[in-house]
Amino acid sequence: YLNEDGWMLKDTTTPDGFYVDADGVW
C-alpha cells in the first residue's frame, strides 16, 4: 500500500483497515 505521499507503508494498518507487515506486505 502506497500512502498519500507515495510511501509504501510498513508494519501498520492501511487507511482501509488492512495490516501490512515489516516488509510492507499485506
mmCIF file of all heavy atoms, coordinates in Angstrom:
data_MODEL
# 
_entry.id   MODEL 
# 
loop_
_atom_site.group_PDB 
_atom_site.id 
_atom_site.type_symbol 
_atom_site.label_atom_id 
_atom_site.label_alt_id 
_atom_site.label_comp_id 
_atom_site.label_asym_id 
_atom_site.label_entity_id 
_atom_site.label_seq_id 
_atom_site.pdbx_PDB_ins_code 
_atom_site.Cartn_x 
_atom_site.Cartn_y 
_atom_site.Cartn_z 
_atom_site.occupancy 
_atom_site.B_iso_or_equiv 
_atom_site.pdbx_formal_charge 
_atom_site.auth_seq_id 
_atom_site.auth_comp_id 
_atom_site.auth_asym_id 
_atom_site.auth_atom_id 
_atom_site.pdbx_PDB_model_num 
ATOM 1   N N   . TYR A 1 1  ? 0.837  -1.204  0.000  1.00 0.00 ? 1  TYR A N   1 
ATOM 2   C CA  . TYR A 1 1  ? 0.000  0.000   0.000  1.00 0.00 ? 1  TYR A CA  1 
ATOM 3   C C   . TYR A 1 1  ? 0.874  1.257   0.000  1.00 0.00 ? 1  TYR A C   1 
ATOM 4   O O   . TYR A 1 1  ? 1.814  1.385   0.788  1.00 0.00 ? 1  TYR A O   1 
ATOM 5   C CB  . TYR A 1 1  ? -0.929 0.038   1.221  1.00 0.00 ? 1  TYR A CB  1 
ATOM 6   C CG  . TYR A 1 1  ? -1.941 1.163   1.128  1.00 0.00 ? 1  TYR A CG  1 
ATOM 7   C CD1 . TYR A 1 1  ? -3.134 0.991   0.432  1.00 0.00 ? 1  TYR A CD1 1 
ATOM 8   C CD2 . TYR A 1 1  ? -1.674 2.415   1.689  1.00 0.00 ? 1  TYR A CD2 1 
ATOM 9   C CE1 . TYR A 1 1  ? -4.052 2.020   0.306  1.00 0.00 ? 1  TYR A CE1 1 
ATOM 10  C CE2 . TYR A 1 1  ? -2.588 3.456   1.572  1.00 0.00 ? 1  TYR A CE2 1 
ATOM 11  C CZ  . TYR A 1 1  ? -3.770 3.269   0.878  1.00 0.00 ? 1  TYR A CZ  1 
ATOM 12  O OH  . TYR A 1 1  ? -4.666 4.285   0.751  1.00 0.00 ? 1  TYR A OH  1 
ATOM 13  N N   . LEU A 1 2  ? 0.531  2.211   -0.916 1.00 0.00 ? 2  LEU A N   1 
ATOM 14  C CA  . LEU A 1 2  ? 1.232  3.495   -1.023 1.00 0.00 ? 2  LEU A CA  1 
ATOM 15  C C   . LEU A 1 2  ? 0.328  4.581   -0.450 1.00 0.00 ? 2  LEU A C   1 
ATOM 16  O O   . LEU A 1 2  ? -0.824 4.718   -0.871 1.00 0.00 ? 2  LEU A O   1 
ATOM 17  C CB  . LEU A 1 2  ? 1.574  3.812   -2.488 1.00 0.00 ? 2  LEU A CB  1 
ATOM 18  C CG  . LEU A 1 2  ? 2.609  2.939   -3.217 1.00 0.00 ? 2  LEU A CG  1 
ATOM 19  C CD1 . LEU A 1 2  ? 3.908  2.862   -2.461 1.00 0.00 ? 2  LEU A CD1 1 
ATOM 20  C CD2 . LEU A 1 2  ? 2.053  1.579   -3.560 1.00 0.00 ? 2  LEU A CD2 1 
ATOM 21  N N   . ASN A 1 3  ? 0.854  5.384   0.486  1.00 0.00 ? 3  ASN A N   1 
ATOM 22  C CA  . ASN A 1 3  ? 0.018  6.405   1.126  1.00 0.00 ? 3  ASN A CA  1 
ATOM 23  C C   . ASN A 1 3  ? -0.095 7.669   0.285  1.00 0.00 ? 3  ASN A C   1 
ATOM 24  O O   . ASN A 1 3  ? 0.340  7.705   -0.881 1.00 0.00 ? 3  ASN A O   1 
ATOM 25  C CB  . ASN A 1 3  ? 0.514  6.694   2.546  1.00 0.00 ? 3  ASN A CB  1 
ATOM 26  C CG  . ASN A 1 3  ? 1.844  7.430   2.552  1.00 0.00 ? 3  ASN A CG  1 
ATOM 27  O OD1 . ASN A 1 3  ? 2.347  7.872   1.517  1.00 0.00 ? 3  ASN A OD1 1 
ATOM 28  N ND2 . ASN A 1 3  ? 2.427  7.558   3.730  1.00 0.00 ? 3  ASN A ND2 1 
ATOM 29  N N   . GLU A 1 4  ? -0.657 8.735   0.903  1.00 0.00 ? 4  GLU A N   1 
ATOM 30  C CA  . GLU A 1 4  ? -0.919 9.966   0.150  1.00 0.00 ? 4  GLU A CA  1 
ATOM 31  C C   . GLU A 1 4  ? 0.351  10.659  -0.334 1.00 0.00 ? 4  GLU A C   1 
ATOM 32  O O   . GLU A 1 4  ? 0.309  11.478  -1.253 1.00 0.00 ? 4  GLU A O   1 
ATOM 33  C CB  . GLU A 1 4  ? -1.747 10.946  0.999  1.00 0.00 ? 4  GLU A CB  1 
ATOM 34  C CG  . GLU A 1 4  ? -1.022 11.507  2.224  1.00 0.00 ? 4  GLU A CG  1 
ATOM 35  C CD  . GLU A 1 4  ? -1.130 10.601  3.441  1.00 0.00 ? 4  GLU A CD  1 
ATOM 36  O OE1 . GLU A 1 4  ? -1.606 9.436   3.283  1.00 0.00 ? 4  GLU A OE1 1 
ATOM 37  O OE2 . GLU A 1 4  ? -0.761 11.039  4.547  1.00 0.00 ? 4  GLU A OE2 1 
ATOM 38  N N   . ASP A 1 5  ? 1.505  10.323  0.260  1.00 0.00 ? 5  ASP A N   1 
ATOM 39  C CA  . ASP A 1 5  ? 2.775  10.900  -0.175 1.00 0.00 ? 5  ASP A CA  1 
ATOM 40  C C   . ASP A 1 5  ? 3.564  9.948   -1.055 1.00 0.00 ? 5  ASP A C   1 
ATOM 41  O O   . ASP A 1 5  ? 4.709  10.238  -1.435 1.00 0.00 ? 5  ASP A O   1 
ATOM 42  C CB  . ASP A 1 5  ? 3.621  11.284  1.045  1.00 0.00 ? 5  ASP A CB  1 
ATOM 43  C CG  . ASP A 1 5  ? 2.966  12.384  1.872  1.00 0.00 ? 5  ASP A CG  1 
ATOM 44  O OD1 . ASP A 1 5  ? 2.464  13.347  1.258  1.00 0.00 ? 5  ASP A OD1 1 
ATOM 45  O OD2 . ASP A 1 5  ? 2.949  12.273  3.111  1.00 0.00 ? 5  ASP A OD2 1 
ATOM 46  N N   . GLY A 1 6  ? 2.953  8.809   -1.361 1.00 0.00 ? 6  GLY A N   1 
ATOM 47  C CA  . GLY A 1 6  ? 3.620  7.845   -2.231 1.00 0.00 ? 6  GLY A CA  1 
ATOM 48  C C   . GLY A 1 6  ? 4.482  6.835   -1.504 1.00 0.00 ? 6  GLY A C   1 
ATOM 49  O O   . GLY A 1 6  ? 5.089  5.969   -2.144 1.00 0.00 ? 6  GLY A O   1 
ATOM 50  N N   . TRP A 1 7  ? 4.574  6.920   -0.170 1.00 0.00 ? 7  TRP A N   1 
ATOM 51  C CA  . TRP A 1 7  ? 5.423  5.997   0.583  1.00 0.00 ? 7  TRP A CA  1 
ATOM 52  C C   . TRP A 1 7  ? 4.714  4.652   0.777  1.00 0.00 ? 7  TRP A C   1 
ATOM 53  O O   . TRP A 1 7  ? 3.519  4.594   1.070  1.00 0.00 ? 7  TRP A O   1 
ATOM 54  C CB  . TRP A 1 7  ? 5.758  6.565   1.962  1.00 0.00 ? 7  TRP A CB  1 
ATOM 55  C CG  . TRP A 1 7  ? 6.621  7.793   1.923  1.00 0.00 ? 7  TRP A CG  1 
ATOM 56  C CD1 . TRP A 1 7  ? 6.225  9.071   2.150  1.00 0.00 ? 7  TRP A CD1 1 
ATOM 57  C CD2 . TRP A 1 7  ? 8.006  7.838   1.632  1.00 0.00 ? 7  TRP A CD2 1 
ATOM 58  N NE1 . TRP A 1 7  ? 7.281  9.931   2.025  1.00 0.00 ? 7  TRP A NE1 1 
ATOM 59  C CE2 . TRP A 1 7  ? 8.401  9.204   1.690  1.00 0.00 ? 7  TRP A CE2 1 
ATOM 60  C CE3 . TRP A 1 7  ? 8.965  6.885   1.313  1.00 0.00 ? 7  TRP A CE3 1 
ATOM 61  C CZ2 . TRP A 1 7  ? 9.691  9.625   1.467  1.00 0.00 ? 7  TRP A CZ2 1 
ATOM 62  C CZ3 . TRP A 1 7  ? 10.267 7.309   1.074  1.00 0.00 ? 7  TRP A CZ3 1 
ATOM 63  C CH2 . TRP A 1 7  ? 10.620 8.647   1.148  1.00 0.00 ? 7  TRP A CH2 1 
ATOM 64  N N   . MET A 1 8  ? 5.496  3.578   0.642  1.00 0.00 ? 8  MET A N   1 
ATOM 65  C CA  . MET A 1 8  ? 4.978  2.247   0.937  1.00 0.00 ? 8  MET A CA  1 
ATOM 66  C C   . MET A 1 8  ? 4.890  2.100   2.460  1.00 0.00 ? 8  MET A C   1 
ATOM 67  O O   . MET A 1 8  ? 5.864  2.328   3.182  1.00 0.00 ? 8  MET A O   1 
ATOM 68  C CB  . MET A 1 8  ? 5.901  1.177   0.367  1.00 0.00 ? 8  MET A CB  1 
ATOM 69  C CG  . MET A 1 8  ? 5.391  -0.244  0.574  1.00 0.00 ? 8  MET A CG  1 
ATOM 70  S SD  . MET A 1 8  ? 6.619  -1.483  0.071  1.00 0.00 ? 8  MET A SD  1 
ATOM 71  C CE  . MET A 1 8  ? 7.778  -1.367  1.456  1.00 0.00 ? 8  MET A CE  1 
ATOM 72  N N   . LEU A 1 9  ? 3.699  1.738   2.938  1.00 0.00 ? 9  LEU A N   1 
ATOM 73  C CA  . LEU A 1 9  ? 3.509  1.574   4.381  1.00 0.00 ? 9  LEU A CA  1 
ATOM 74  C C   . LEU A 1 9  ? 4.120  0.258   4.863  1.00 0.00 ? 9  LEU A C   1 
ATOM 75  O O   . LEU A 1 9  ? 4.139  -0.743  4.140  1.00 0.00 ? 9  LEU A O   1 
ATOM 76  C CB  . LEU A 1 9  ? 2.026  1.618   4.711  1.00 0.00 ? 9  LEU A CB  1 
ATOM 77  C CG  . LEU A 1 9  ? 1.306  2.944   4.414  1.00 0.00 ? 9  LEU A CG  1 
ATOM 78  C CD1 . LEU A 1 9  ? -0.147 2.872   4.899  1.00 0.00 ? 9  LEU A CD1 1 
ATOM 79  C CD2 . LEU A 1 9  ? 2.027  4.119   5.071  1.00 0.00 ? 9  LEU A CD2 1 
ATOM 80  N N   . LYS A 1 10 ? 4.625  0.287   6.107  1.00 0.00 ? 10 LYS A N   1 
ATOM 81  C CA  . LYS A 1 10 ? 5.207  -0.907  6.728  1.00 0.00 ? 10 LYS A CA  1 
ATOM 82  C C   . LYS A 1 10 ? 4.707  -1.025  8.168  1.00 0.00 ? 10 LYS A C   1 
ATOM 83  O O   . LYS A 1 10 ? 4.581  -0.017  8.875  1.00 0.00 ? 10 LYS A O   1 
ATOM 84  C CB  . LYS A 1 10 ? 6.736  -0.824  6.742  1.00 0.00 ? 10 LYS A CB  1 
ATOM 85  C CG  . LYS A 1 10 ? 7.402  -0.709  5.392  1.00 0.00 ? 10 LYS A CG  1 
ATOM 86  C CD  . LYS A 1 10 ? 8.914  -0.605  5.573  1.00 0.00 ? 10 LYS A CD  1 
ATOM 87  C CE  . LYS A 1 10 ? 9.640  -0.406  4.263  1.00 0.00 ? 10 LYS A CE  1 
ATOM 88  N NZ  . LYS A 1 10 ? 11.112 -0.287  4.464  1.00 0.00 ? 10 LYS A NZ  1 
ATOM 89  N N   . ASP A 1 11 ? 4.461  -2.274  8.587  1.00 0.00 ? 11 ASP A N   1 
ATOM 90  C CA  . ASP A 1 11 ? 4.136  -2.585  9.979  1.00 0.00 ? 11 ASP A CA  1 
ATOM 91  C C   . ASP A 1 11 ? 3.066  -1.645  10.534 1.00 0.00 ? 11 ASP A C   1 
ATOM 92  O O   . ASP A 1 11 ? 3.239  -1.025  11.591 1.00 0.00 ? 11 ASP A O   1 
ATOM 93  C CB  . ASP A 1 11 ? 5.411  -2.502  10.824 1.00 0.00 ? 11 ASP A CB  1 
ATOM 94  C CG  . ASP A 1 11 ? 5.212  -3.119  12.215 1.00 0.00 ? 11 ASP A CG  1 
ATOM 95  O OD1 . ASP A 1 11 ? 4.275  -3.930  12.366 1.00 0.00 ? 11 ASP A OD1 1 
ATOM 96  O OD2 . ASP A 1 11 ? 5.981  -2.769  13.125 1.00 0.00 ? 11 ASP A OD2 1 
ATOM 97  N N   . THR A 1 12 ? 1.994  -1.523  9.782  1.00 0.00 ? 12 THR A N   1 
ATOM 98  C CA  . THR A 1 12 ? 0.909  -0.630  10.205 1.00 0.00 ? 12 THR A CA  1 
ATOM 99  C C   . THR A 1 12 ? -0.391 -1.069  9.544  1.00 0.00 ? 12 THR A C   1 
ATOM 100 O O   . THR A 1 12 ? -0.404 -1.988  8.704  1.00 0.00 ? 12 THR A O   1 
ATOM 101 C CB  . THR A 1 12 ? 1.222  0.833   9.837  1.00 0.00 ? 12 THR A CB  1 
ATOM 102 O OG1 . THR A 1 12 ? 0.249  1.690   10.454 1.00 0.00 ? 12 THR A OG1 1 
ATOM 103 C CG2 . THR A 1 12 ? 1.197  1.050   8.336  1.00 0.00 ? 12 THR A CG2 1 
ATOM 104 N N   . THR A 1 13 ? -1.442 -0.398  9.917  1.00 0.00 ? 13 THR A N   1 
ATOM 105 C CA  . THR A 1 13 ? -2.746 -0.657  9.307  1.00 0.00 ? 13 THR A CA  1 
ATOM 106 C C   . THR A 1 13 ? -3.024 0.411   8.255  1.00 0.00 ? 13 THR A C   1 
ATOM 107 O O   . THR A 1 13 ? -2.853 1.610   8.501  1.00 0.00 ? 13 THR A O   1 
ATOM 108 C CB  . THR A 1 13 ? -3.862 -0.638  10.360 1.00 0.00 ? 13 THR A CB  1 
ATOM 109 O OG1 . THR A 1 13 ? -3.602 -1.650  11.346 1.00 0.00 ? 13 THR A OG1 1 
ATOM 110 C CG2 . THR A 1 13 ? -5.220 -0.912  9.723  1.00 0.00 ? 13 THR A CG2 1 
ATOM 111 N N   . THR A 1 14 ? -3.446 -0.025  7.086  1.00 0.00 ? 14 THR A N   1 
ATOM 112 C CA  . THR A 1 14 ? -3.706 0.910   5.990  1.00 0.00 ? 14 THR A CA  1 
ATOM 113 C C   . THR A 1 14 ? -4.998 1.679   6.258  1.00 0.00 ? 14 THR A C   1 
ATOM 114 O O   . THR A 1 14 ? -5.799 1.275   7.097  1.00 0.00 ? 14 THR A O   1 
ATOM 115 C CB  . THR A 1 14 ? -3.825 0.155   4.654  1.00 0.00 ? 14 THR A CB  1 
ATOM 116 O OG1 . THR A 1 14 ? -4.968 -0.722  4.735  1.00 0.00 ? 14 THR A OG1 1 
ATOM 117 C CG2 . THR A 1 14 ? -2.562 -0.647  4.382  1.00 0.00 ? 14 THR A CG2 1 
ATOM 118 N N   . PRO A 1 15 ? -5.210 2.789   5.539  1.00 0.00 ? 15 PRO A N   1 
ATOM 119 C CA  . PRO A 1 15 ? -6.443 3.569   5.755  1.00 0.00 ? 15 PRO A CA  1 
ATOM 120 C C   . PRO A 1 15 ? -7.723 2.765   5.580  1.00 0.00 ? 15 PRO A C   1 
ATOM 121 O O   . PRO A 1 15 ? -8.755 3.101   6.184  1.00 0.00 ? 15 PRO A O   1 
ATOM 122 C CB  . PRO A 1 15 ? -6.330 4.683   4.714  1.00 0.00 ? 15 PRO A CB  1 
ATOM 123 C CG  . PRO A 1 15 ? -4.866 4.843   4.501  1.00 0.00 ? 15 PRO A CG  1 
ATOM 124 C CD  . PRO A 1 15 ? -4.302 3.459   4.605  1.00 0.00 ? 15 PRO A CD  1 
ATOM 125 N N   . ASP A 1 16 ? -7.673 1.697   4.766  1.00 0.00 ? 16 ASP A N   1 
ATOM 126 C CA  . ASP A 1 16 ? -8.877 0.894   4.566  1.00 0.00 ? 16 ASP A CA  1 
ATOM 127 C C   . ASP A 1 16 ? -8.916 -0.329  5.492  1.00 0.00 ? 16 ASP A C   1 
ATOM 128 O O   . ASP A 1 16 ? -9.704 -1.254  5.287  1.00 0.00 ? 16 ASP A O   1 
ATOM 129 C CB  . ASP A 1 16 ? -9.028 0.472   3.101  1.00 0.00 ? 16 ASP A CB  1 
ATOM 130 C CG  . ASP A 1 16 ? -7.772 -0.150  2.524  1.00 0.00 ? 16 ASP A CG  1 
ATOM 131 O OD1 . ASP A 1 16 ? -6.760 -0.209  3.235  1.00 0.00 ? 16 ASP A OD1 1 
ATOM 132 O OD2 . ASP A 1 16 ? -7.810 -0.553  1.350  1.00 0.00 ? 16 ASP A OD2 1 
ATOM 133 N N   . GLY A 1 17 ? -8.011 -0.342  6.496  1.00 0.00 ? 17 GLY A N   1 
ATOM 134 C CA  . GLY A 1 17 ? -8.135 -1.313  7.569  1.00 0.00 ? 17 GLY A CA  1 
ATOM 135 C C   . GLY A 1 17 ? -7.394 -2.611  7.430  1.00 0.00 ? 17 GLY A C   1 
ATOM 136 O O   . GLY A 1 17 ? -7.649 -3.559  8.184  1.00 0.00 ? 17 GLY A O   1 
ATOM 137 N N   . PHE A 1 18 ? -6.415 -2.700  6.511  1.00 0.00 ? 18 PHE A N   1 
ATOM 138 C CA  . PHE A 1 18 ? -5.644 -3.936  6.354  1.00 0.00 ? 18 PHE A CA  1 
ATOM 139 C C   . PHE A 1 18 ? -4.255 -3.754  6.958  1.00 0.00 ? 18 PHE A C   1 
ATOM 140 O O   . PHE A 1 18 ? -3.663 -2.677  6.876  1.00 0.00 ? 18 PHE A O   1 
ATOM 141 C CB  . PHE A 1 18 ? -5.532 -4.329  4.877  1.00 0.00 ? 18 PHE A CB  1 
ATOM 142 C CG  . PHE A 1 18 ? -6.848 -4.695  4.260  1.00 0.00 ? 18 PHE A CG  1 
ATOM 143 C CD1 . PHE A 1 18 ? -7.633 -3.726  3.634  1.00 0.00 ? 18 PHE A CD1 1 
ATOM 144 C CD2 . PHE A 1 18 ? -7.309 -5.995  4.311  1.00 0.00 ? 18 PHE A CD2 1 
ATOM 145 C CE1 . PHE A 1 18 ? -8.858 -4.068  3.073  1.00 0.00 ? 18 PHE A CE1 1 
ATOM 146 C CE2 . PHE A 1 18 ? -8.531 -6.334  3.742  1.00 0.00 ? 18 PHE A CE2 1 
ATOM 147 C CZ  . PHE A 1 18 ? -9.310 -5.364  3.127  1.00 0.00 ? 18 PHE A CZ  1 
ATOM 148 N N   . TYR A 1 19 ? -3.729 -4.828  7.495  1.00 0.00 ? 19 TYR A N   1 
ATOM 149 C CA  . TYR A 1 19 ? -2.408 -4.747  8.117  1.00 0.00 ? 19 TYR A CA  1 
ATOM 150 C C   . TYR A 1 19 ? -1.339 -5.160  7.111  1.00 0.00 ? 19 TYR A C   1 
ATOM 151 O O   . TYR A 1 19 ? -1.479 -6.162  6.390  1.00 0.00 ? 19 TYR A O   1 
ATOM 152 C CB  . TYR A 1 19 ? -2.336 -5.657  9.344  1.00 0.00 ? 19 TYR A CB  1 
ATOM 153 C CG  . TYR A 1 19 ? -0.969 -5.652  9.998  1.00 0.00 ? 19 TYR A CG  1 
ATOM 154 C CD1 . TYR A 1 19 ? -0.548 -4.584  10.787 1.00 0.00 ? 19 TYR A CD1 1 
ATOM 155 C CD2 . TYR A 1 19 ? -0.102 -6.717  9.787  1.00 0.00 ? 19 TYR A CD2 1 
ATOM 156 C CE1 . TYR A 1 19 ? 0.715  -4.574  11.367 1.00 0.00 ? 19 TYR A CE1 1 
ATOM 157 C CE2 . TYR A 1 19 ? 1.165  -6.722  10.363 1.00 0.00 ? 19 TYR A CE2 1 
ATOM 158 C CZ  . TYR A 1 19 ? 1.574  -5.641  11.145 1.00 0.00 ? 19 TYR A CZ  1 
ATOM 159 O OH  . TYR A 1 19 ? 2.836  -5.637  11.709 1.00 0.00 ? 19 TYR A OH  1 
ATOM 160 N N   . VAL A 1 20 ? -0.239 -4.368  7.049  1.00 0.00 ? 20 VAL A N   1 
ATOM 161 C CA  . VAL A 1 20 ? 0.942  -4.710  6.239  1.00 0.00 ? 20 VAL A CA  1 
ATOM 162 C C   . VAL A 1 20 ? 2.100  -4.920  7.208  1.00 0.00 ? 20 VAL A C   1 
ATOM 163 O O   . VAL A 1 20 ? 2.257  -4.181  8.192  1.00 0.00 ? 20 VAL A O   1 
ATOM 164 C CB  . VAL A 1 20 ? 1.267  -3.625  5.201  1.00 0.00 ? 20 VAL A CB  1 
ATOM 165 C CG1 . VAL A 1 20 ? 0.231  -3.602  4.100  1.00 0.00 ? 20 VAL A CG1 1 
ATOM 166 C CG2 . VAL A 1 20 ? 1.381  -2.251  5.845  1.00 0.00 ? 20 VAL A CG2 1 
ATOM 167 N N   . ASP A 1 21 ? 2.915  -5.929  6.931  1.00 0.00 ? 21 ASP A N   1 
ATOM 168 C CA  . ASP A 1 21 ? 3.982  -6.297  7.865  1.00 0.00 ? 21 ASP A CA  1 
ATOM 169 C C   . ASP A 1 21 ? 5.219  -5.414  7.694  1.00 0.00 ? 21 ASP A C   1 
ATOM 170 O O   . ASP A 1 21 ? 5.178  -4.387  6.995  1.00 0.00 ? 21 ASP A O   1 
ATOM 171 C CB  . ASP A 1 21 ? 4.325  -7.780  7.715  1.00 0.00 ? 21 ASP A CB  1 
ATOM 172 C CG  . ASP A 1 21 ? 4.908  -8.134  6.346  1.00 0.00 ? 21 ASP A CG  1 
ATOM 173 O OD1 . ASP A 1 21 ? 5.387  -7.215  5.623  1.00 0.00 ? 21 ASP A OD1 1 
ATOM 174 O OD2 . ASP A 1 21 ? 4.893  -9.332  5.988  1.00 0.00 ? 21 ASP A OD2 1 
ATOM 175 N N   . ALA A 1 22 ? 6.321  -5.819  8.311  1.00 0.00 ? 22 ALA A N   1 
ATOM 176 C CA  . ALA A 1 22 ? 7.552  -5.021  8.307  1.00 0.00 ? 22 ALA A CA  1 
ATOM 177 C C   . ALA A 1 22 ? 8.145  -4.873  6.912  1.00 0.00 ? 22 ALA A C   1 
ATOM 178 O O   . ALA A 1 22 ? 8.949  -3.966  6.666  1.00 0.00 ? 22 ALA A O   1 
ATOM 179 C CB  . ALA A 1 22 ? 8.571  -5.638  9.256  1.00 0.00 ? 22 ALA A CB  1 
ATOM 180 N N   . ASP A 1 23 ? 7.777  -5.759  5.985  1.00 0.00 ? 23 ASP A N   1 
ATOM 181 C CA  . ASP A 1 23 ? 8.239  -5.652  4.594  1.00 0.00 ? 23 ASP A CA  1 
ATOM 182 C C   . ASP A 1 23 ? 7.217  -4.953  3.716  1.00 0.00 ? 23 ASP A C   1 
ATOM 183 O O   . ASP A 1 23 ? 7.404  -4.862  2.501  1.00 0.00 ? 23 ASP A O   1 
ATOM 184 C CB  . ASP A 1 23 ? 8.519  -7.054  4.033  1.00 0.00 ? 23 ASP A CB  1 
ATOM 185 C CG  . ASP A 1 23 ? 9.695  -7.723  4.718  1.00 0.00 ? 23 ASP A CG  1 
ATOM 186 O OD1 . ASP A 1 23 ? 10.670 -7.001  5.046  1.00 0.00 ? 23 ASP A OD1 1 
ATOM 187 O OD2 . ASP A 1 23 ? 9.635  -8.946  4.933  1.00 0.00 ? 23 ASP A OD2 1 
ATOM 188 N N   . GLY A 1 24 ? 6.134  -4.474  4.311  1.00 0.00 ? 24 GLY A N   1 
ATOM 189 C CA  . GLY A 1 24 ? 5.103  -3.776  3.552  1.00 0.00 ? 24 GLY A CA  1 
ATOM 190 C C   . GLY A 1 24 ? 4.079  -4.685  2.925  1.00 0.00 ? 24 GLY A C   1 
ATOM 191 O O   . GLY A 1 24 ? 3.206  -4.225  2.176  1.00 0.00 ? 24 GLY A O   1 
ATOM 192 N N   . VAL A 1 25 ? 4.151  -6.001  3.196  1.00 0.00 ? 25 VAL A N   1 
ATOM 193 C CA  . VAL A 1 25 ? 3.275  -6.974  2.555  1.00 0.00 ? 25 VAL A CA  1 
ATOM 194 C C   . VAL A 1 25 ? 1.976  -7.114  3.355  1.00 0.00 ? 25 VAL A C   1 
ATOM 195 O O   . VAL A 1 25 ? 1.992  -7.224  4.587  1.00 0.00 ? 25 VAL A O   1 
ATOM 196 C CB  . VAL A 1 25 ? 3.969  -8.345  2.452  1.00 0.00 ? 25 VAL A CB  1 
ATOM 197 C CG1 . VAL A 1 25 ? 3.025  -9.381  1.829  1.00 0.00 ? 25 VAL A CG1 1 
ATOM 198 C CG2 . VAL A 1 25 ? 5.245  -8.215  1.627  1.00 0.00 ? 25 VAL A CG2 1 
ATOM 199 N N   . TRP A 1 26 ? 0.852  -7.111  2.645  1.00 0.00 ? 26 TRP A N   1 
ATOM 200 C CA  . TRP A 1 26 ? -0.452 -7.295  3.283  1.00 0.00 ? 26 TRP A CA  1 
ATOM 201 C C   . TRP A 1 26 ? -0.525 -8.672  3.911  1.00 0.00 ? 26 TRP A C   1 
ATOM 202 O O   . TRP A 1 26 ? -0.222 -9.685  3.273  1.00 0.00 ? 26 TRP A O   1 
ATOM 203 C CB  . TRP A 1 26 ? -1.566 -7.129  2.246  1.00 0.00 ? 26 TRP A CB  1 
ATOM 204 C CG  . TRP A 1 26 ? -2.923 -7.593  2.722  1.00 0.00 ? 26 TRP A CG  1 
ATOM 205 C CD1 . TRP A 1 26 ? -3.523 -7.285  3.901  1.00 0.00 ? 26 TRP A CD1 1 
ATOM 206 C CD2 . TRP A 1 26 ? -3.811 -8.460  2.012  1.00 0.00 ? 26 TRP A CD2 1 
ATOM 207 N NE1 . TRP A 1 26 ? -4.744 -7.898  3.999  1.00 0.00 ? 26 TRP A NE1 1 
ATOM 208 C CE2 . TRP A 1 26 ? -4.961 -8.623  2.833  1.00 0.00 ? 26 TRP A CE2 1 
ATOM 209 C CE3 . TRP A 1 26 ? -3.768 -9.095  0.778  1.00 0.00 ? 26 TRP A CE3 1 
ATOM 210 C CZ2 . TRP A 1 26 ? -6.045 -9.418  2.463  1.00 0.00 ? 26 TRP A CZ2 1 
ATOM 211 C CZ3 . TRP A 1 26 ? -4.847 -9.875  0.394  1.00 0.00 ? 26 TRP A CZ3 1 
ATOM 212 C CH2 . TRP A 1 26 ? -5.965 -10.025 1.236  1.00 0.00 ? 26 TRP A CH2 1 
# 
